[in-house]
Amino acid sequence: MENIPQPSDSPYQVGQRVRIYLDEDDIDAQYHGLVCEVIRDDPDDLGSLTGRDVDCHHYRLRRVDTGDELPVSFRHEDLVAESEWPVRE
């Protein structure tokens, strides 16, 4: 069984490094696996609808390798702390 990385139980902080984890059929799948830095959190009210506080977090990211801000933002569930990404040998 594949070890699927899970998002953090708490919100990511500005400056924290994360990897984007998306399914291959996601419209933004081209970003899967990128190492990025959180540059902004634009919370909304989704957490009040789902009952999970972390669901309200909506992040703007900058690629670590190029320094470019990504043109789309990502929900908390689409991000994994870089330290939690499985190492492949």
N, C-alpha and C. Protein backbone atom coordinates (compact mmCIF):
# COMPACT_ATOMS: atom_id res chain seq x y z
N MET A 1 0.83 -1.17 0.00
CA MET A 1 0.00 0.00 0.00
C MET A 1 0.88 1.25 0.00
N GLU A 2 0.54 2.21 -0.81
CA GLU A 2 1.33 3.43 -0.95
C GLU A 2 1.16 4.33 0.27
N ASN A 3 2.26 4.92 0.72
CA ASN A 3 2.22 5.86 1.82
C ASN A 3 1.83 7.24 1.26
N ILE A 4 0.61 7.69 1.54
CA ILE A 4 0.13 8.96 1.03
C ILE A 4 0.36 10.04 2.07
N PRO A 5 1.14 11.08 1.73
CA PRO A 5 1.39 12.14 2.71
C PRO A 5 0.11 12.89 3.04
N GLN A 6 -0.01 13.30 4.28
CA GLN A 6 -1.21 13.97 4.76
C GLN A 6 -0.91 15.43 5.09
N PRO A 7 -1.90 16.31 4.90
CA PRO A 7 -1.71 17.70 5.29
C PRO A 7 -1.56 17.83 6.80
N SER A 8 -0.98 18.91 7.21
CA SER A 8 -0.79 19.19 8.63
C SER A 8 -2.14 19.34 9.33
N ASP A 9 -2.15 19.06 10.63
CA ASP A 9 -3.36 19.26 11.43
C ASP A 9 -3.56 20.73 11.79
N SER A 10 -2.53 21.53 11.58
CA SER A 10 -2.62 22.96 11.89
C SER A 10 -2.28 23.77 10.64
N PRO A 11 -2.68 25.04 10.61
CA PRO A 11 -2.43 25.86 9.42
C PRO A 11 -0.93 26.02 9.13
N TYR A 12 -0.61 26.16 7.87
CA TYR A 12 0.76 26.45 7.47
C TYR A 12 1.02 27.94 7.71
N GLN A 13 2.27 28.26 7.98
CA GLN A 13 2.66 29.62 8.29
C GLN A 13 3.37 30.26 7.11
N VAL A 14 3.26 31.58 7.00
CA VAL A 14 4.02 32.31 5.98
C VAL A 14 5.50 31.98 6.18
N GLY A 15 6.17 31.64 5.09
CA GLY A 15 7.58 31.26 5.14
C GLY A 15 7.81 29.76 5.21
N GLN A 16 6.78 28.99 5.53
CA GLN A 16 6.93 27.54 5.63
C GLN A 16 7.03 26.92 4.24
N ARG A 17 7.88 25.90 4.12
CA ARG A 17 8.03 25.18 2.85
C ARG A 17 7.09 23.99 2.83
N VAL A 18 6.38 23.87 1.72
CA VAL A 18 5.40 22.81 1.53
C VAL A 18 5.57 22.20 0.14
N ARG A 19 5.00 21.03 -0.05
CA ARG A 19 4.88 20.44 -1.39
C ARG A 19 3.41 20.35 -1.73
N ILE A 20 3.13 20.54 -2.99
CA ILE A 20 1.77 20.44 -3.49
C ILE A 20 1.48 18.97 -3.78
N TYR A 21 0.36 18.48 -3.28
CA TYR A 21 -0.01 17.09 -3.48
C TYR A 21 -1.40 17.04 -4.12
N LEU A 22 -1.43 16.75 -5.42
CA LEU A 22 -2.68 16.73 -6.18
C LEU A 22 -2.82 15.42 -6.93
N ASP A 23 -4.04 15.01 -7.17
CA ASP A 23 -4.33 13.84 -7.97
C ASP A 23 -3.99 14.14 -9.43
N GLU A 24 -3.65 13.12 -10.18
CA GLU A 24 -3.27 13.34 -11.58
C GLU A 24 -4.41 13.87 -12.44
N ASP A 25 -5.68 13.70 -12.03
CA ASP A 25 -6.77 14.28 -12.84
C ASP A 25 -7.19 15.66 -12.36
N ASP A 26 -6.52 16.20 -11.38
CA ASP A 26 -6.82 17.56 -10.92
C ASP A 26 -6.46 18.56 -12.01
N ILE A 27 -7.25 19.60 -12.17
CA ILE A 27 -7.00 20.61 -13.20
C ILE A 27 -5.63 21.28 -13.05
N ASP A 28 -5.11 21.31 -11.82
CA ASP A 28 -3.81 21.94 -11.56
C ASP A 28 -2.71 20.92 -11.31
N ALA A 29 -2.87 19.71 -11.83
CA ALA A 29 -1.93 18.60 -11.58
C ALA A 29 -0.50 18.92 -12.00
N GLN A 30 -0.31 19.88 -12.90
CA GLN A 30 1.06 20.22 -13.32
C GLN A 30 1.90 20.77 -12.15
N TYR A 31 1.26 21.16 -11.06
CA TYR A 31 1.98 21.67 -9.89
C TYR A 31 2.30 20.59 -8.86
N HIS A 32 1.79 19.39 -9.05
CA HIS A 32 2.03 18.30 -8.10
C HIS A 32 3.53 18.11 -7.86
N GLY A 33 3.89 18.04 -6.60
CA GLY A 33 5.28 17.76 -6.22
C GLY A 33 6.17 18.98 -6.09
N LEU A 34 5.70 20.15 -6.52
CA LEU A 34 6.55 21.35 -6.42
C LEU A 34 6.80 21.71 -4.96
N VAL A 35 8.04 22.10 -4.67
CA VAL A 35 8.37 22.63 -3.36
C VAL A 35 8.14 24.13 -3.43
N CYS A 36 7.32 24.62 -2.50
CA CYS A 36 6.95 26.03 -2.50
C CYS A 36 7.05 26.60 -1.09
N GLU A 37 7.05 27.92 -1.04
CA GLU A 37 7.02 28.65 0.23
C GLU A 37 5.67 29.34 0.33
N VAL A 38 5.05 29.24 1.49
CA VAL A 38 3.80 29.94 1.72
C VAL A 38 4.09 31.44 1.82
N ILE A 39 3.42 32.23 0.98
CA ILE A 39 3.64 33.69 1.03
C ILE A 39 2.42 34.44 1.56
N ARG A 40 1.26 33.78 1.58
CA ARG A 40 0.07 34.44 2.10
C ARG A 40 -1.01 33.39 2.36
N ASP A 41 -1.83 33.67 3.36
CA ASP A 41 -2.99 32.83 3.68
C ASP A 41 -4.21 33.72 3.56
N ASP A 42 -5.13 33.36 2.67
CA ASP A 42 -6.36 34.12 2.46
C ASP A 42 -7.54 33.27 2.94
N PRO A 43 -7.79 33.25 4.25
CA PRO A 43 -8.85 32.39 4.77
C PRO A 43 -10.23 32.81 4.27
N ASP A 44 -11.12 31.82 4.19
CA ASP A 44 -12.51 32.07 3.84
C ASP A 44 -13.39 31.34 4.86
N ASP A 45 -14.65 31.12 4.54
CA ASP A 45 -15.56 30.51 5.52
C ASP A 45 -15.80 29.02 5.29
N LEU A 46 -15.02 28.35 4.46
CA LEU A 46 -15.24 26.93 4.20
C LEU A 46 -15.17 26.10 5.48
N GLY A 47 -14.29 26.45 6.39
CA GLY A 47 -14.16 25.71 7.64
C GLY A 47 -15.44 25.70 8.47
N SER A 48 -16.18 26.80 8.42
CA SER A 48 -17.45 26.84 9.17
C SER A 48 -18.49 25.93 8.52
N LEU A 49 -18.37 25.70 7.24
CA LEU A 49 -19.31 24.81 6.54
C LEU A 49 -18.96 23.33 6.74
N THR A 50 -17.65 23.02 6.81
CA THR A 50 -17.23 21.62 6.94
C THR A 50 -17.04 21.18 8.39
N GLY A 51 -16.87 22.16 9.29
CA GLY A 51 -16.61 21.84 10.69
C GLY A 51 -15.15 21.57 10.98
N ARG A 52 -14.28 21.76 9.99
CA ARG A 52 -12.83 21.57 10.18
C ARG A 52 -12.15 22.92 9.99
N ASP A 53 -11.56 23.44 11.05
CA ASP A 53 -10.95 24.78 11.01
C ASP A 53 -9.92 24.94 9.90
N VAL A 54 -9.11 23.90 9.63
CA VAL A 54 -8.05 24.05 8.63
C VAL A 54 -8.60 24.22 7.22
N ASP A 55 -9.86 23.84 6.98
CA ASP A 55 -10.45 23.97 5.65
C ASP A 55 -10.60 25.41 5.19
N CYS A 56 -10.57 26.36 6.10
CA CYS A 56 -10.74 27.76 5.70
C CYS A 56 -9.45 28.35 5.11
N HIS A 57 -8.34 27.66 5.24
CA HIS A 57 -7.06 28.22 4.79
C HIS A 57 -6.85 27.99 3.29
N HIS A 58 -6.48 29.06 2.64
CA HIS A 58 -6.33 29.12 1.19
C HIS A 58 -5.03 29.87 0.94
N TYR A 59 -4.02 29.20 0.42
CA TYR A 59 -2.65 29.73 0.41
C TYR A 59 -2.18 30.19 -0.96
N ARG A 60 -1.42 31.27 -0.96
CA ARG A 60 -0.66 31.72 -2.13
C ARG A 60 0.76 31.21 -1.91
N LEU A 61 1.37 30.71 -2.99
CA LEU A 61 2.67 30.05 -2.88
C LEU A 61 3.67 30.62 -3.88
N ARG A 62 4.96 30.51 -3.50
CA ARG A 62 6.07 30.88 -4.39
C ARG A 62 6.94 29.64 -4.55
N ARG A 63 7.28 29.34 -5.81
CA ARG A 63 8.17 28.21 -6.08
C ARG A 63 9.54 28.47 -5.46
N VAL A 64 10.09 27.47 -4.80
CA VAL A 64 11.42 27.60 -4.20
C VAL A 64 12.50 27.61 -5.28
N ASP A 65 12.32 26.82 -6.34
CA ASP A 65 13.37 26.70 -7.36
C ASP A 65 13.49 27.93 -8.26
N THR A 66 12.40 28.65 -8.50
CA THR A 66 12.46 29.81 -9.41
C THR A 66 12.15 31.14 -8.73
N GLY A 67 11.51 31.10 -7.57
CA GLY A 67 11.10 32.33 -6.89
C GLY A 67 9.82 32.92 -7.45
N ASP A 68 9.19 32.24 -8.41
CA ASP A 68 7.96 32.75 -9.03
C ASP A 68 6.74 32.42 -8.19
N GLU A 69 5.83 33.39 -8.06
CA GLU A 69 4.56 33.14 -7.40
C GLU A 69 3.68 32.33 -8.35
N LEU A 70 3.02 31.32 -7.81
CA LEU A 70 2.13 30.50 -8.64
C LEU A 70 0.87 31.29 -8.97
N PRO A 71 0.32 31.09 -10.16
CA PRO A 71 -0.85 31.85 -10.59
C PRO A 71 -2.17 31.39 -9.96
N VAL A 72 -2.14 30.30 -9.23
CA VAL A 72 -3.33 29.79 -8.55
C VAL A 72 -3.02 29.63 -7.07
N SER A 73 -4.07 29.62 -6.25
CA SER A 73 -3.88 29.38 -4.82
C SER A 73 -4.34 27.97 -4.50
N PHE A 74 -3.95 27.48 -3.34
CA PHE A 74 -4.21 26.09 -2.98
C PHE A 74 -4.84 25.99 -1.60
N ARG A 75 -5.76 25.06 -1.47
CA ARG A 75 -6.40 24.76 -0.20
C ARG A 75 -5.43 23.99 0.69
N HIS A 76 -5.70 24.05 1.99
CA HIS A 76 -4.87 23.37 2.98
C HIS A 76 -4.72 21.88 2.63
N GLU A 77 -5.80 21.25 2.21
CA GLU A 77 -5.78 19.80 1.93
C GLU A 77 -4.88 19.42 0.77
N ASP A 78 -4.46 20.41 -0.04
CA ASP A 78 -3.61 20.13 -1.21
C ASP A 78 -2.12 20.29 -0.90
N LEU A 79 -1.79 20.57 0.34
CA LEU A 79 -0.39 20.84 0.70
C LEU A 79 0.07 19.89 1.79
N VAL A 80 1.36 19.56 1.71
CA VAL A 80 2.00 18.70 2.70
C VAL A 80 3.29 19.39 3.11
N ALA A 81 3.58 19.42 4.40
CA ALA A 81 4.85 19.99 4.86
C ALA A 81 5.99 19.28 4.14
N GLU A 82 6.96 20.03 3.67
CA GLU A 82 8.07 19.44 2.92
C GLU A 82 8.72 18.29 3.69
N SER A 83 8.82 18.43 5.00
CA SER A 83 9.46 17.40 5.82
C SER A 83 8.66 16.10 5.87
N GLU A 84 7.39 16.14 5.52
CA GLU A 84 6.53 14.96 5.55
C GLU A 84 6.45 14.23 4.21
N TRP A 85 7.07 14.80 3.18
CA TRP A 85 7.02 14.19 1.84
C TRP A 85 7.84 12.91 1.86
N PRO A 86 7.28 11.81 1.34
CA PRO A 86 8.06 10.54 1.37
C PRO A 86 9.28 10.62 0.46
N VAL A 87 10.37 10.11 0.96
CA VAL A 87 11.61 10.05 0.21
C VAL A 87 11.60 8.78 -0.63
N ARG A 88 11.84 8.91 -1.91
CA ARG A 88 11.88 7.74 -2.80
C ARG A 88 13.32 7.39 -3.10
N GLU A 89 13.64 6.15 -2.98
CA GLU A 89 15.01 5.70 -3.25
C GLU A 89 15.08 4.98 -4.55
